[in-house]
């Protein structure tokens, strides 16, 4: 992994204030594991901006993930 990419993943920006704040925020939270539930009659539709969709979907950033793919660096 190139050093600049490692530094991006490993650290924060400048004096790392945001990194420290994020670490403190996670220390104050307790994560409770969720257990499987019966999903036999699950409804997959969702409403977004007043419009009904039969299947739920999500948007997520993908371009920056190429930095961390060793085969593409």
C-alpha atoms as a PDB file:
ATOM      1  CA  UNK A   1       0.000   0.000   0.000  1.00  0.00           C
ATOM      2  CA  UNK A   2       1.463   3.402  -0.896  1.00  0.00           C
ATOM      3  CA  UNK A   3       2.542   5.464   2.119  1.00  0.00           C
ATOM      4  CA  UNK A   4       0.108   8.288   1.382  1.00  0.00           C
ATOM      5  CA  UNK A   5      -2.808   5.835   1.385  1.00  0.00           C
ATOM      6  CA  UNK A   6      -1.611   4.169   4.597  1.00  0.00           C
ATOM      7  CA  UNK A   7      -1.276   7.562   6.284  1.00  0.00           C
ATOM      8  CA  UNK A   8      -4.813   8.450   5.175  1.00  0.00           C
ATOM      9  CA  UNK A   9      -6.238   5.264   6.733  1.00  0.00           C
ATOM     10  CA  UNK A  10      -4.012   5.247   9.808  1.00  0.00           C
ATOM     11  CA  UNK A  11      -4.193   8.866  10.868  1.00  0.00           C
ATOM     12  CA  UNK A  12      -6.114  12.071  10.605  1.00  0.00           C
ATOM     13  CA  UNK A  13      -5.654  15.478   9.058  1.00  0.00           C
ATOM     14  CA  UNK A  14      -3.180  18.018  10.461  1.00  0.00           C
ATOM     15  CA  UNK A  15      -3.367  17.862  14.278  1.00  0.00           C
ATOM     16  CA  UNK A  16      -5.851  14.936  14.175  1.00  0.00           C
ATOM     17  CA  UNK A  17      -8.583  16.721  16.171  1.00  0.00           C
ATOM     18  CA  UNK A  18     -11.356  14.953  14.248  1.00  0.00           C
ATOM     19  CA  UNK A  19      -9.661  11.584  14.756  1.00  0.00           C
ATOM     20  CA  UNK A  20      -9.417  12.170  18.510  1.00  0.00           C
ATOM     21  CA  UNK A  21     -13.042  13.334  18.683  1.00  0.00           C
ATOM     22  CA  UNK A  22     -14.208  10.237  16.796  1.00  0.00           C
ATOM     23  CA  UNK A  23     -12.234   7.939  19.092  1.00  0.00           C
ATOM     24  CA  UNK A  24     -13.721   9.623  22.167  1.00  0.00           C
ATOM     25  CA  UNK A  25     -17.242   9.361  20.725  1.00  0.00           C
ATOM     26  CA  UNK A  26     -16.828   5.623  20.110  1.00  0.00           C
ATOM     27  CA  UNK A  27     -15.492   5.108  23.636  1.00  0.00           C
ATOM     28  CA  UNK A  28     -18.698   6.660  25.034  1.00  0.00           C
ATOM     29  CA  UNK A  29     -20.937   4.263  23.083  1.00  0.00           C
ATOM     30  CA  UNK A  30     -21.803   0.680  23.878  1.00  0.00           C
ATOM     31  CA  UNK A  31     -22.467  -1.525  20.889  1.00  0.00           C
ATOM     32  CA  UNK A  32     -25.072  -4.199  21.484  1.00  0.00           C
ATOM     33  CA  UNK A  33     -25.052  -7.157  19.104  1.00  0.00           C
ATOM     34  CA  UNK A  34     -28.265  -7.880  17.242  1.00  0.00           C
ATOM     35  CA  UNK A  35     -29.554 -11.393  16.928  1.00  0.00           C
ATOM     36  CA  UNK A  36     -31.239 -12.992  13.916  1.00  0.00           C
ATOM     37  CA  UNK A  37     -34.980 -12.563  13.656  1.00  0.00           C
ATOM     38  CA  UNK A  38     -37.603 -14.257  11.524  1.00  0.00           C
ATOM     39  CA  UNK A  39     -37.504 -12.551   8.117  1.00  0.00           C
ATOM     40  CA  UNK A  40     -39.894 -14.882   6.328  1.00  0.00           C
ATOM     41  CA  UNK A  41     -42.557 -12.196   5.802  1.00  0.00           C
ATOM     42  CA  UNK A  42     -40.227  -9.218   5.424  1.00  0.00           C
ATOM     43  CA  UNK A  43     -41.384  -6.266   3.292  1.00  0.00           C
ATOM     44  CA  UNK A  44     -38.585  -4.859   1.136  1.00  0.00           C
ATOM     45  CA  UNK A  45     -40.337  -1.761  -0.122  1.00  0.00           C
ATOM     46  CA  UNK A  46     -39.284   1.705   0.964  1.00  0.00           C
ATOM     47  CA  UNK A  47     -40.405   5.286   0.541  1.00  0.00           C
ATOM     48  CA  UNK A  48     -37.995   8.004  -0.542  1.00  0.00           C
ATOM     49  CA  UNK A  49     -38.901  11.639  -1.242  1.00  0.00           C
ATOM     50  CA  UNK A  50     -42.594  10.791  -1.200  1.00  0.00           C
ATOM     51  CA  UNK A  51     -42.287   7.988  -3.746  1.00  0.00           C
ATOM     52  CA  UNK A  52     -42.797   4.270  -3.009  1.00  0.00           C
ATOM     53  CA  UNK A  53     -40.213   1.740  -4.279  1.00  0.00           C
ATOM     54  CA  UNK A  54     -40.722  -2.038  -4.278  1.00  0.00           C
ATOM     55  CA  UNK A  55     -37.120  -2.778  -3.252  1.00  0.00           C
ATOM     56  CA  UNK A  56     -35.023  -0.824  -0.809  1.00  0.00           C
ATOM     57  CA  UNK A  57     -31.682   0.558  -1.965  1.00  0.00           C
ATOM     58  CA  UNK A  58     -28.830   2.665  -0.666  1.00  0.00           C
ATOM     59  CA  UNK A  59     -26.166   5.001  -1.984  1.00  0.00           C
ATOM     60  CA  UNK A  60     -22.585   4.766  -0.837  1.00  0.00           C
ATOM     61  CA  UNK A  61     -19.238   6.219  -1.839  1.00  0.00           C
ATOM     62  CA  UNK A  62     -17.179   3.793  -3.886  1.00  0.00           C
ATOM     63  CA  UNK A  63     -14.474   5.680  -5.768  1.00  0.00           C
ATOM     64  CA  UNK A  64     -12.227   6.188  -2.748  1.00  0.00           C
ATOM     65  CA  UNK A  65     -12.239   2.443  -2.038  1.00  0.00           C
ATOM     66  CA  UNK A  66      -9.908   1.971  -4.994  1.00  0.00           C
ATOM     67  CA  UNK A  67      -7.150   3.454  -2.804  1.00  0.00           C
ATOM     68  CA  UNK A  68      -7.310   0.408  -0.553  1.00  0.00           C
ATOM     69  CA  UNK A  69      -7.479  -2.296  -3.233  1.00  0.00           C
ATOM     70  CA  UNK A  70      -3.953  -3.659  -3.459  1.00  0.00           C
ATOM     71  CA  UNK A  71      -4.591  -5.125  -6.945  1.00  0.00           C
ATOM     72  CA  UNK A  72      -5.348  -1.659  -8.344  1.00  0.00           C
ATOM     73  CA  UNK A  73      -2.546   0.366  -6.737  1.00  0.00           C
END
